[in-house]
Amino acid sequence: MSTTTAALRGRIDASPTTLGLAAGDLLLIGTFALLGVVSHGGRDFALSNPGYVLATALPFLVGWLLVAPAVGLYGVRESSRTAAVYTVIAWSGAAVVGQALRATALFHGDFAVTFFFVSLGVGFALLVPWRVAVSVVGSS
């Protein structure tokens, strides 16, 4: 356990900036889930069922929280290109974990190949510009 903790400490920059990045990431993953619930159930359903929206987001949030630190996405800031590449890798892994969790009895939904590709595209569209923008602003 201490080896894992030490390895993660080396991959996570414990700073207010990292906390802000993580909050932004989680907000965007929540937005991803909200967009899906609105798309399939309608705005009124999503607004009147926040627990359902959270339950929809949860497998992807778990995936992100497992994969992003392991990839080094919360380490010392690098170039916008590196931020984009690491974000793509992290979201790809998080989407796999999220889909796998959805295939269990613990979460609603299932593993659908088409949704996997949709989740990749929407996640990339939300997370990559955010991470690139933060890296550009942080470097100036």
Protein backbone atom coordinates (compact mmCIF):
# COMPACT_ATOMS: atom_id res chain seq x y z
CA MET A 1 0.00 0.00 0.00
CA SER A 2 2.78 2.45 0.88
CA THR A 3 4.40 1.80 -2.51
CA THR A 4 1.15 2.75 -4.26
CA THR A 5 0.80 5.87 -2.14
CA ALA A 6 4.38 6.91 -2.86
CA ALA A 7 3.91 6.32 -6.58
CA LEU A 8 0.76 8.45 -6.65
CA ARG A 9 2.39 11.24 -4.66
CA GLY A 10 4.99 11.49 -7.39
CA ARG A 11 2.24 11.83 -10.00
CA ILE A 12 0.07 14.38 -8.19
CA ASP A 13 1.08 18.00 -7.70
CA ALA A 14 -0.60 18.87 -4.39
CA SER A 15 -1.52 22.48 -5.12
CA PRO A 16 -4.60 24.70 -5.39
CA THR A 17 -4.16 24.61 -9.17
CA THR A 18 -4.44 20.83 -9.18
CA LEU A 19 -7.54 21.02 -7.00
CA GLY A 20 -9.08 23.48 -9.46
CA LEU A 21 -8.17 21.23 -12.38
CA ALA A 22 -9.75 18.22 -10.68
CA ALA A 23 -12.91 20.19 -9.89
CA GLY A 24 -13.16 21.34 -13.51
CA ASP A 25 -12.59 17.79 -14.76
CA LEU A 26 -15.29 16.37 -12.49
CA LEU A 27 -17.70 19.14 -13.46
CA LEU A 28 -17.17 18.38 -17.15
CA ILE A 29 -17.67 14.65 -16.60
CA GLY A 30 -20.88 15.51 -14.76
CA THR A 31 -21.85 17.68 -17.74
CA PHE A 32 -21.22 14.70 -20.01
CA ALA A 33 -23.67 12.62 -17.96
CA LEU A 34 -26.20 15.44 -17.81
CA LEU A 35 -26.09 15.86 -21.59
CA GLY A 36 -26.73 12.14 -22.01
CA VAL A 37 -29.65 12.08 -19.59
CA VAL A 38 -31.19 15.16 -21.23
CA SER A 39 -30.65 13.61 -24.67
CA HIS A 40 -32.39 10.37 -23.71
CA GLY A 41 -34.87 11.44 -21.04
CA GLY A 42 -35.47 15.12 -21.63
CA ARG A 43 -34.59 18.25 -19.72
CA ASP A 44 -37.48 17.96 -17.27
CA PHE A 45 -36.53 14.38 -16.39
CA ALA A 46 -32.91 15.37 -15.81
CA LEU A 47 -33.83 18.37 -13.66
CA SER A 48 -36.31 16.42 -11.56
CA ASN A 49 -33.97 13.43 -11.09
CA PRO A 50 -30.54 14.74 -10.03
CA GLY A 51 -29.79 11.42 -8.33
CA TYR A 52 -30.23 9.63 -11.64
CA VAL A 53 -27.85 12.08 -13.31
CA LEU A 54 -25.29 11.48 -10.55
CA ALA A 55 -25.75 7.71 -10.83
CA THR A 56 -25.16 8.03 -14.58
CA ALA A 57 -21.97 10.02 -14.02
CA LEU A 58 -20.63 7.88 -11.17
CA PRO A 59 -19.02 5.03 -13.17
CA PHE A 60 -17.18 7.58 -15.32
CA LEU A 61 -16.16 9.64 -12.29
CA VAL A 62 -14.76 6.48 -10.68
CA GLY A 63 -12.95 5.66 -13.92
CA TRP A 64 -11.50 9.16 -14.12
CA LEU A 65 -10.38 9.18 -10.50
CA LEU A 66 -8.63 5.84 -11.01
CA VAL A 67 -7.01 6.53 -14.38
CA ALA A 68 -6.18 10.26 -14.49
CA PRO A 69 -3.75 10.24 -11.53
CA ALA A 70 -2.12 7.03 -12.78
CA VAL A 71 -1.53 8.65 -16.19
CA GLY A 72 0.05 11.65 -14.47
CA LEU A 73 -2.63 14.13 -15.46
CA TYR A 74 -2.44 15.84 -12.06
CA GLY A 75 1.34 16.16 -12.09
CA VAL A 76 3.40 19.22 -12.86
CA ARG A 77 1.95 21.15 -15.81
CA GLU A 78 3.44 20.62 -19.22
CA SER A 79 2.82 21.85 -22.76
CA SER A 80 -0.64 22.09 -24.28
CA ARG A 81 0.24 19.17 -26.56
CA THR A 82 1.18 17.00 -23.59
CA ALA A 83 -1.99 18.08 -21.78
CA ALA A 84 -4.07 17.04 -24.80
CA VAL A 85 -2.32 13.67 -25.18
CA TYR A 86 -2.53 12.82 -21.47
CA THR A 87 -6.19 13.86 -21.40
CA VAL A 88 -7.02 11.61 -24.36
CA ILE A 89 -5.23 8.70 -22.68
CA ALA A 90 -6.90 9.35 -19.31
CA TRP A 91 -10.41 9.73 -20.74
CA SER A 92 -9.97 6.63 -22.91
CA GLY A 93 -9.11 4.62 -19.82
CA ALA A 94 -11.85 6.24 -17.76
CA ALA A 95 -14.41 5.44 -20.45
CA VAL A 96 -13.34 1.78 -20.46
CA VAL A 97 -13.63 1.63 -16.66
CA GLY A 98 -16.96 3.49 -16.76
CA GLN A 99 -18.39 1.16 -19.37
CA ALA A 100 -17.15 -1.89 -17.48
CA LEU A 101 -18.79 -0.63 -14.28
CA ARG A 102 -22.03 0.02 -16.17
CA ALA A 103 -21.97 -3.66 -17.19
CA THR A 104 -22.22 -4.70 -13.52
CA ALA A 105 -25.28 -4.84 -11.30
CA LEU A 106 -23.85 -1.93 -9.26
CA PHE A 107 -24.76 0.72 -11.86
CA HIS A 108 -27.59 1.28 -14.28
CA GLY A 109 -26.84 0.93 -17.95
CA ASP A 110 -24.76 -1.66 -19.71
CA PHE A 111 -21.68 -1.94 -21.88
CA ALA A 112 -22.71 -0.78 -25.33
CA VAL A 113 -20.02 -0.46 -27.99
CA THR A 114 -21.78 2.46 -29.69
CA PHE A 115 -22.10 4.32 -26.39
CA PHE A 116 -18.43 3.66 -25.70
CA PHE A 117 -17.50 5.53 -28.89
CA VAL A 118 -20.01 8.30 -28.14
CA SER A 119 -18.57 8.63 -24.63
CA LEU A 120 -15.07 8.89 -26.07
CA GLY A 121 -16.08 11.62 -28.53
CA VAL A 122 -18.10 13.69 -26.08
CA GLY A 123 -15.50 13.29 -23.34
CA PHE A 124 -12.72 14.38 -25.70
CA ALA A 125 -14.80 17.36 -26.85
CA LEU A 126 -15.35 18.49 -23.26
CA LEU A 127 -12.08 17.62 -21.53
CA VAL A 128 -9.36 18.23 -24.14
CA PRO A 129 -10.18 21.92 -24.84
CA TRP A 130 -10.47 22.56 -21.09
CA ARG A 131 -7.09 20.95 -20.36
CA VAL A 132 -5.40 22.70 -23.30
CA ALA A 133 -6.85 26.07 -22.26
CA VAL A 134 -5.62 25.60 -18.70
CA SER A 135 -2.14 24.68 -19.93
CA VAL A 136 -2.00 27.72 -22.22
CA VAL A 137 -3.19 30.11 -19.49
CA GLY A 138 -0.86 28.49 -16.96
CA SER A 139 2.17 28.91 -19.20
CA SER A 140 1.67 32.63 -19.81
